[in-house]
Amino acid sequence: MLKSREETITHILFCDENEYIEKNFEEKRETPIIQEAYQQLLEYFSGTRTKFELSISPEGTEFQKKVWNALRDIPYGETRSYKEIATFIGNEKASRAVGNANNKNPIPIIIPCHRVIGANGKLVGYAGGLDKKKKLLDIEAI
């Protein structure tokens, strides 16, 4: 489910199909930004979009925002380790904190926290579930 404030995306929430239908039946407010985000997500899932062009406004701490900005720099089809992200933001010992920031990411997929993996190359941690993380990485042929 997509949420927005004014003309910016604030949340993408994972939910099952029945929950999605119930929530959208109750709260049917499709704004232009929601429609555009939906279209871009469809293109991403079909493999025709590699970069999102949307106004987003994630709410979080300064550290979380720093991590989320770093995630947006990970190119489509590539991954980084938690330690690489920690080093990139200037705090190489903050791998665990980077993981916690990933877990709090309010706009998954658009802020691609699924592209962050363990130092050993294994899939670890994903708020939406490792099955979803694997599917997202499969879309990107990683």
N, C-alpha and C. Protein backbone atom coordinates (compact mmCIF):
# COMPACT_ATOMS: atom_id res chain seq x y z
N MET A 1 0.85 -1.16 0.00
CA MET A 1 0.00 0.00 0.00
C MET A 1 0.90 1.24 0.00
N LEU A 2 0.52 2.22 -0.78
CA LEU A 2 1.27 3.47 -0.88
C LEU A 2 0.59 4.55 -0.05
N LYS A 3 1.42 5.38 0.60
CA LYS A 3 0.90 6.53 1.33
C LYS A 3 1.66 7.76 0.89
N SER A 4 0.96 8.89 0.88
CA SER A 4 1.60 10.14 0.47
C SER A 4 1.15 11.28 1.38
N ARG A 5 1.92 12.36 1.29
CA ARG A 5 1.55 13.61 1.95
C ARG A 5 1.82 14.69 0.90
N GLU A 6 0.78 15.42 0.58
CA GLU A 6 0.87 16.41 -0.48
C GLU A 6 1.34 15.73 -1.76
N GLU A 7 2.44 16.14 -2.32
CA GLU A 7 2.92 15.55 -3.58
C GLU A 7 4.20 14.73 -3.40
N THR A 8 4.27 13.99 -2.28
CA THR A 8 5.46 13.18 -2.02
C THR A 8 5.05 11.85 -1.38
N ILE A 9 5.78 10.81 -1.73
CA ILE A 9 5.54 9.47 -1.17
C ILE A 9 6.19 9.41 0.20
N THR A 10 5.42 8.92 1.18
CA THR A 10 5.95 8.80 2.55
C THR A 10 6.11 7.35 3.00
N HIS A 11 5.34 6.43 2.43
CA HIS A 11 5.40 5.03 2.87
C HIS A 11 5.03 4.07 1.74
N ILE A 12 5.67 2.93 1.76
CA ILE A 12 5.22 1.75 1.04
C ILE A 12 5.10 0.67 2.10
N LEU A 13 3.93 0.12 2.23
CA LEU A 13 3.68 -0.90 3.24
C LEU A 13 3.44 -2.24 2.57
N PHE A 14 4.13 -3.27 3.04
CA PHE A 14 3.87 -4.62 2.57
C PHE A 14 2.64 -5.15 3.28
N CYS A 15 1.73 -5.72 2.54
CA CYS A 15 0.57 -6.35 3.14
C CYS A 15 0.08 -7.43 2.18
N ASP A 16 -0.70 -8.37 2.70
CA ASP A 16 -1.21 -9.41 1.82
C ASP A 16 -2.37 -8.85 0.99
N GLU A 17 -2.76 -9.59 -0.03
CA GLU A 17 -3.76 -9.09 -0.98
C GLU A 17 -5.08 -8.73 -0.31
N ASN A 18 -5.57 -9.56 0.61
CA ASN A 18 -6.85 -9.27 1.28
C ASN A 18 -6.75 -8.00 2.12
N GLU A 19 -5.64 -7.85 2.84
CA GLU A 19 -5.45 -6.66 3.65
C GLU A 19 -5.38 -5.42 2.76
N TYR A 20 -4.71 -5.55 1.61
CA TYR A 20 -4.60 -4.43 0.67
C TYR A 20 -5.98 -4.01 0.17
N ILE A 21 -6.78 -4.98 -0.21
CA ILE A 21 -8.13 -4.69 -0.73
C ILE A 21 -8.97 -4.02 0.35
N GLU A 22 -8.92 -4.55 1.58
CA GLU A 22 -9.70 -3.96 2.67
C GLU A 22 -9.28 -2.53 2.95
N LYS A 23 -7.98 -2.27 3.04
CA LYS A 23 -7.50 -0.92 3.35
C LYS A 23 -7.84 0.05 2.23
N ASN A 24 -7.68 -0.38 0.98
CA ASN A 24 -7.95 0.52 -0.13
C ASN A 24 -9.45 0.74 -0.32
N PHE A 25 -10.25 -0.24 0.05
CA PHE A 25 -11.69 -0.06 -0.03
C PHE A 25 -12.12 1.01 0.97
N GLU A 26 -11.50 0.98 2.14
CA GLU A 26 -11.83 1.96 3.17
C GLU A 26 -11.23 3.33 2.89
N GLU A 27 -10.03 3.38 2.32
CA GLU A 27 -9.30 4.63 2.17
C GLU A 27 -8.96 4.90 0.71
N LYS A 28 -9.90 4.93 -0.16
CA LYS A 28 -9.63 5.12 -1.58
C LYS A 28 -9.33 6.59 -1.85
N ARG A 29 -8.05 6.95 -1.84
CA ARG A 29 -7.63 8.33 -2.11
C ARG A 29 -6.45 8.30 -3.05
N GLU A 30 -6.71 8.04 -4.29
CA GLU A 30 -5.61 8.00 -5.25
C GLU A 30 -5.27 9.40 -5.71
N THR A 31 -4.12 9.86 -5.30
CA THR A 31 -3.63 11.17 -5.71
C THR A 31 -2.73 10.99 -6.93
N PRO A 32 -2.41 12.07 -7.62
CA PRO A 32 -1.50 11.94 -8.77
C PRO A 32 -0.16 11.29 -8.40
N ILE A 33 0.40 11.62 -7.23
CA ILE A 33 1.69 11.03 -6.85
C ILE A 33 1.55 9.54 -6.55
N ILE A 34 0.43 9.13 -5.96
CA ILE A 34 0.18 7.70 -5.72
C ILE A 34 0.05 6.98 -7.05
N GLN A 35 -0.67 7.55 -7.99
CA GLN A 35 -0.84 6.94 -9.31
C GLN A 35 0.51 6.81 -10.02
N GLU A 36 1.34 7.85 -9.94
CA GLU A 36 2.65 7.80 -10.58
C GLU A 36 3.55 6.76 -9.91
N ALA A 37 3.54 6.70 -8.59
CA ALA A 37 4.35 5.71 -7.88
C ALA A 37 3.89 4.30 -8.25
N TYR A 38 2.59 4.10 -8.30
CA TYR A 38 2.04 2.79 -8.67
C TYR A 38 2.52 2.40 -10.07
N GLN A 39 2.45 3.33 -11.02
CA GLN A 39 2.88 3.06 -12.39
C GLN A 39 4.38 2.71 -12.43
N GLN A 40 5.19 3.47 -11.71
CA GLN A 40 6.63 3.21 -11.71
C GLN A 40 6.94 1.87 -11.05
N LEU A 41 6.21 1.52 -10.01
CA LEU A 41 6.41 0.21 -9.37
C LEU A 41 6.03 -0.92 -10.34
N LEU A 42 4.93 -0.77 -11.07
CA LEU A 42 4.56 -1.78 -12.07
C LEU A 42 5.67 -1.94 -13.11
N GLU A 43 6.23 -0.83 -13.54
CA GLU A 43 7.33 -0.88 -14.51
C GLU A 43 8.55 -1.58 -13.91
N TYR A 44 8.84 -1.29 -12.66
CA TYR A 44 9.97 -1.95 -11.98
C TYR A 44 9.73 -3.47 -11.92
N PHE A 45 8.54 -3.86 -11.49
CA PHE A 45 8.24 -5.29 -11.36
C PHE A 45 8.24 -6.01 -12.71
N SER A 46 7.95 -5.30 -13.78
CA SER A 46 7.97 -5.91 -15.11
C SER A 46 9.36 -5.89 -15.73
N GLY A 47 10.32 -5.24 -15.06
CA GLY A 47 11.70 -5.22 -15.53
C GLY A 47 12.01 -4.10 -16.51
N THR A 48 11.10 -3.13 -16.66
CA THR A 48 11.35 -2.04 -17.60
C THR A 48 11.83 -0.76 -16.92
N ARG A 49 11.81 -0.69 -15.61
CA ARG A 49 12.28 0.50 -14.90
C ARG A 49 13.43 0.10 -13.98
N THR A 50 14.52 0.85 -14.05
CA THR A 50 15.67 0.58 -13.19
C THR A 50 15.93 1.71 -12.19
N LYS A 51 15.25 2.84 -12.37
CA LYS A 51 15.45 3.98 -11.47
C LYS A 51 14.10 4.66 -11.25
N PHE A 52 13.81 4.98 -10.00
CA PHE A 52 12.56 5.66 -9.68
C PHE A 52 12.76 7.17 -9.76
N GLU A 53 11.76 7.83 -10.30
CA GLU A 53 11.78 9.29 -10.41
C GLU A 53 10.54 9.82 -9.70
N LEU A 54 10.63 9.83 -8.38
CA LEU A 54 9.52 10.23 -7.53
C LEU A 54 10.01 11.12 -6.41
N SER A 55 9.16 12.02 -6.00
CA SER A 55 9.44 12.80 -4.81
C SER A 55 9.11 11.93 -3.60
N ILE A 56 10.09 11.75 -2.72
CA ILE A 56 9.84 10.95 -1.51
C ILE A 56 10.20 11.79 -0.29
N SER A 57 9.58 11.43 0.82
CA SER A 57 9.82 12.15 2.07
C SER A 57 9.78 11.18 3.24
N PRO A 58 10.84 10.38 3.40
CA PRO A 58 10.86 9.44 4.52
C PRO A 58 11.11 10.17 5.84
N GLU A 59 10.39 9.77 6.86
CA GLU A 59 10.60 10.37 8.17
C GLU A 59 11.46 9.45 9.02
N GLY A 60 12.49 10.01 9.62
CA GLY A 60 13.39 9.24 10.46
C GLY A 60 14.43 10.14 11.09
N THR A 61 15.35 9.53 11.80
CA THR A 61 16.44 10.28 12.43
C THR A 61 17.42 10.73 11.34
N GLU A 62 18.31 11.62 11.71
CA GLU A 62 19.33 12.08 10.75
C GLU A 62 20.19 10.91 10.29
N PHE A 63 20.54 10.01 11.23
CA PHE A 63 21.34 8.84 10.86
C PHE A 63 20.58 7.97 9.87
N GLN A 64 19.32 7.69 10.16
CA GLN A 64 18.52 6.87 9.25
C GLN A 64 18.46 7.49 7.86
N LYS A 65 18.22 8.79 7.81
CA LYS A 65 18.15 9.47 6.51
C LYS A 65 19.48 9.39 5.76
N LYS A 66 20.57 9.46 6.48
CA LYS A 66 21.89 9.34 5.87
C LYS A 66 22.06 7.95 5.24
N VAL A 67 21.63 6.93 5.98
CA VAL A 67 21.68 5.56 5.46
C VAL A 67 20.78 5.43 4.24
N TRP A 68 19.55 5.91 4.35
CA TRP A 68 18.59 5.77 3.24
C TRP A 68 19.09 6.49 2.00
N ASN A 69 19.74 7.64 2.16
CA ASN A 69 20.32 8.34 1.01
C ASN A 69 21.42 7.51 0.37
N ALA A 70 22.22 6.85 1.21
CA ALA A 70 23.29 5.98 0.68
C ALA A 70 22.70 4.80 -0.09
N LEU A 71 21.59 4.27 0.39
CA LEU A 71 20.96 3.15 -0.30
C LEU A 71 20.50 3.54 -1.70
N ARG A 72 20.04 4.77 -1.83
CA ARG A 72 19.57 5.24 -3.14
C ARG A 72 20.71 5.35 -4.15
N ASP A 73 21.96 5.35 -3.67
CA ASP A 73 23.12 5.39 -4.56
C ASP A 73 23.57 4.01 -5.02
N ILE A 74 22.98 2.95 -4.48
CA ILE A 74 23.34 1.60 -4.93
C ILE A 74 22.68 1.39 -6.30
N PRO A 75 23.47 1.17 -7.33
CA PRO A 75 22.88 1.00 -8.66
C PRO A 75 21.99 -0.24 -8.78
N TYR A 76 21.01 -0.15 -9.62
CA TYR A 76 20.15 -1.28 -9.97
C TYR A 76 21.03 -2.45 -10.38
N GLY A 77 20.71 -3.63 -9.87
CA GLY A 77 21.46 -4.82 -10.24
C GLY A 77 22.73 -5.04 -9.46
N GLU A 78 22.98 -4.21 -8.44
CA GLU A 78 24.17 -4.36 -7.61
C GLU A 78 23.75 -4.45 -6.14
N THR A 79 24.64 -4.97 -5.32
CA THR A 79 24.41 -5.03 -3.89
C THR A 79 25.60 -4.42 -3.15
N ARG A 80 25.36 -4.12 -1.89
CA ARG A 80 26.40 -3.65 -0.99
C ARG A 80 26.20 -4.37 0.34
N SER A 81 27.25 -4.49 1.09
CA SER A 81 27.14 -5.07 2.44
C SER A 81 26.79 -3.97 3.43
N TYR A 82 26.32 -4.38 4.58
CA TYR A 82 26.02 -3.41 5.64
C TYR A 82 27.29 -2.63 6.00
N LYS A 83 28.42 -3.33 6.02
CA LYS A 83 29.68 -2.65 6.35
C LYS A 83 30.06 -1.64 5.27
N GLU A 84 29.83 -1.97 4.01
CA GLU A 84 30.14 -1.03 2.93
C GLU A 84 29.29 0.24 3.06
N ILE A 85 28.03 0.08 3.43
CA ILE A 85 27.17 1.26 3.63
C ILE A 85 27.68 2.06 4.82
N ALA A 86 28.03 1.37 5.90
CA ALA A 86 28.55 2.06 7.09
C ALA A 86 29.81 2.86 6.74
N THR A 87 30.70 2.26 5.98
CA THR A 87 31.92 2.94 5.56
C THR A 87 31.59 4.13 4.66
N PHE A 88 30.66 3.94 3.74
CA PHE A 88 30.26 5.00 2.82
C PHE A 88 29.73 6.23 3.55
N ILE A 89 29.00 6.01 4.64
CA ILE A 89 28.44 7.15 5.38
C ILE A 89 29.42 7.69 6.42
N GLY A 90 30.63 7.10 6.47
CA GLY A 90 31.67 7.65 7.33
C GLY A 90 31.75 7.06 8.72
N ASN A 91 31.15 5.89 8.93
CA ASN A 91 31.20 5.26 10.25
C ASN A 91 31.31 3.74 10.06
N GLU A 92 32.52 3.27 9.74
CA GLU A 92 32.71 1.87 9.37
C GLU A 92 32.32 0.87 10.46
N LYS A 93 32.17 1.32 11.69
CA LYS A 93 31.79 0.41 12.78
C LYS A 93 30.27 0.37 12.99
N ALA A 94 29.52 1.02 12.13
CA ALA A 94 28.07 1.15 12.33
C ALA A 94 27.25 0.14 11.53
N SER A 95 27.83 -1.01 11.21
CA SER A 95 27.10 -2.01 10.41
C SER A 95 25.76 -2.39 11.03
N ARG A 96 25.76 -2.62 12.32
CA ARG A 96 24.51 -3.00 13.00
C ARG A 96 23.49 -1.86 12.97
N ALA A 97 23.95 -0.64 13.15
CA ALA A 97 23.06 0.53 13.09
C ALA A 97 22.51 0.71 11.68
N VAL A 98 23.32 0.41 10.66
CA VAL A 98 22.85 0.45 9.28
C VAL A 98 21.73 -0.58 9.10
N GLY A 99 21.92 -1.76 9.66
CA GLY A 99 20.87 -2.79 9.60
C GLY A 99 19.59 -2.32 10.26
N ASN A 100 19.71 -1.66 11.40
CA ASN A 100 18.52 -1.14 12.09
C ASN A 100 17.84 -0.06 11.26
N ALA A 101 18.62 0.80 10.62
CA ALA A 101 18.04 1.84 9.76
C ALA A 101 17.32 1.20 8.57
N ASN A 102 17.92 0.16 8.00
CA ASN A 102 17.26 -0.57 6.91
C ASN A 102 15.92 -1.10 7.36
N ASN A 103 15.89 -1.65 8.56
CA ASN A 103 14.66 -2.24 9.10
C ASN A 103 13.56 -1.20 9.27
N LYS A 104 13.94 0.05 9.46
CA LYS A 104 12.97 1.14 9.68
C LYS A 104 12.65 1.90 8.39
N ASN A 105 13.20 1.47 7.26
CA ASN A 105 12.98 2.15 5.98
C ASN A 105 11.48 2.20 5.66
N PRO A 106 10.89 3.40 5.59
CA PRO A 106 9.46 3.49 5.35
C PRO A 106 9.07 3.39 3.87
N ILE A 107 10.06 3.42 2.97
CA ILE A 107 9.76 3.41 1.54
C ILE A 107 10.60 2.34 0.84
N PRO A 108 10.40 1.06 1.22
CA PRO A 108 11.19 0.01 0.58
C PRO A 108 10.93 -0.03 -0.93
N ILE A 109 11.84 -0.64 -1.62
CA ILE A 109 11.89 -0.77 -3.07
C ILE A 109 12.39 0.54 -3.67
N ILE A 110 11.69 1.65 -3.43
CA ILE A 110 12.15 2.94 -3.96
C ILE A 110 13.44 3.35 -3.25
N ILE A 111 13.50 3.17 -1.93
CA ILE A 111 14.77 3.25 -1.20
C ILE A 111 15.20 1.78 -1.08
N PRO A 112 16.13 1.34 -1.92
CA PRO A 112 16.37 -0.09 -2.13
C PRO A 112 17.16 -0.81 -1.03
N CYS A 113 16.56 -0.95 0.14
CA CYS A 113 17.23 -1.65 1.23
C CYS A 113 17.39 -3.14 0.91
N HIS A 114 16.65 -3.64 -0.08
CA HIS A 114 16.80 -5.05 -0.48
C HIS A 114 18.16 -5.31 -1.12
N ARG A 115 18.86 -4.26 -1.53
CA ARG A 115 20.17 -4.41 -2.16
C ARG A 115 21.31 -4.52 -1.15
N VAL A 116 20.97 -4.52 0.13
CA VAL A 116 22.00 -4.64 1.17
C VAL A 116 21.99 -6.08 1.68
N ILE A 117 23.18 -6.70 1.64
CA ILE A 117 23.31 -8.12 2.01
C ILE A 117 24.42 -8.26 3.05
N GLY A 118 24.55 -9.46 3.57
CA GLY A 118 25.60 -9.73 4.54
C GLY A 118 26.97 -9.69 3.90
N ALA A 119 28.00 -9.48 4.71
CA ALA A 119 29.38 -9.42 4.21
C ALA A 119 29.79 -10.72 3.51
N ASN A 120 29.15 -11.82 3.89
CA ASN A 120 29.46 -13.12 3.29
C ASN A 120 28.67 -13.37 2.01
N GLY A 121 27.89 -12.37 1.57
CA GLY A 121 27.12 -12.50 0.34
C GLY A 121 25.75 -13.12 0.53
N LYS A 122 25.40 -13.46 1.77
CA LYS A 122 24.11 -14.10 2.02
C LYS A 122 23.02 -13.06 2.27
N LEU A 123 21.80 -13.47 1.98
CA LEU A 123 20.65 -12.62 2.26
C LEU A 123 20.36 -12.66 3.74
N VAL A 124 20.40 -11.51 4.35
CA VAL A 124 20.09 -11.41 5.78
C VAL A 124 19.17 -10.22 6.00
N GLY A 125 18.26 -10.37 6.89
CA GLY A 125 17.38 -9.30 7.30
C GLY A 125 16.65 -8.58 6.20
N TYR A 126 15.36 -8.52 6.32
CA TYR A 126 14.52 -7.69 5.46
C TYR A 126 13.18 -7.58 6.13
N ALA A 127 12.76 -6.36 6.39
CA ALA A 127 11.51 -6.15 7.13
C ALA A 127 10.32 -6.79 6.42
N GLY A 128 10.36 -6.87 5.10
CA GLY A 128 9.27 -7.48 4.34
C GLY A 128 9.37 -8.99 4.26
N GLY A 129 10.46 -9.55 4.78
CA GLY A 129 10.68 -11.00 4.71
C GLY A 129 11.72 -11.34 3.66
N LEU A 130 12.53 -12.34 3.95
CA LEU A 130 13.60 -12.71 3.02
C LEU A 130 13.07 -13.21 1.69
N ASP A 131 11.86 -13.78 1.67
CA ASP A 131 11.29 -14.23 0.40
C ASP A 131 11.05 -13.05 -0.53
N LYS A 132 10.58 -11.94 0.01
CA LYS A 132 10.38 -10.73 -0.81
C LYS A 132 11.72 -10.15 -1.25
N LYS A 133 12.70 -10.16 -0.36
CA LYS A 133 14.02 -9.65 -0.70
C LYS A 133 14.59 -10.44 -1.87
N LYS A 134 14.48 -11.76 -1.81
CA LYS A 134 14.98 -12.61 -2.89
C LYS A 134 14.26 -12.31 -4.20
N LYS A 135 12.95 -12.13 -4.15
CA LYS A 135 12.20 -11.82 -5.38
C LYS A 135 12.64 -10.49 -5.98
N LEU A 136 12.87 -9.49 -5.12
CA LEU A 136 13.32 -8.19 -5.62
C LEU A 136 14.70 -8.30 -6.25
N LEU A 137 15.59 -9.05 -5.62
CA LEU A 137 16.93 -9.24 -6.19
C LEU A 137 16.85 -10.05 -7.48
N ASP A 138 15.92 -11.01 -7.55
CA ASP A 138 15.73 -11.77 -8.79
C ASP A 138 15.27 -10.88 -9.93
N ILE A 139 14.38 -9.93 -9.63
CA ILE A 139 13.93 -8.97 -10.66
C ILE A 139 15.13 -8.25 -11.24
N GLU A 140 16.08 -7.91 -10.39
CA GLU A 140 17.27 -7.16 -10.81
C GLU A 140 18.38 -8.09 -11.29
N ALA A 141 18.07 -9.39 -11.36
CA ALA A 141 19.04 -10.40 -11.83
C ALA A 141 20.32 -10.41 -11.02
N ILE A 142 20.19 -10.26 -9.71
CA ILE A 142 21.35 -10.33 -8.82
C ILE A 142 21.46 -11.74 -8.28
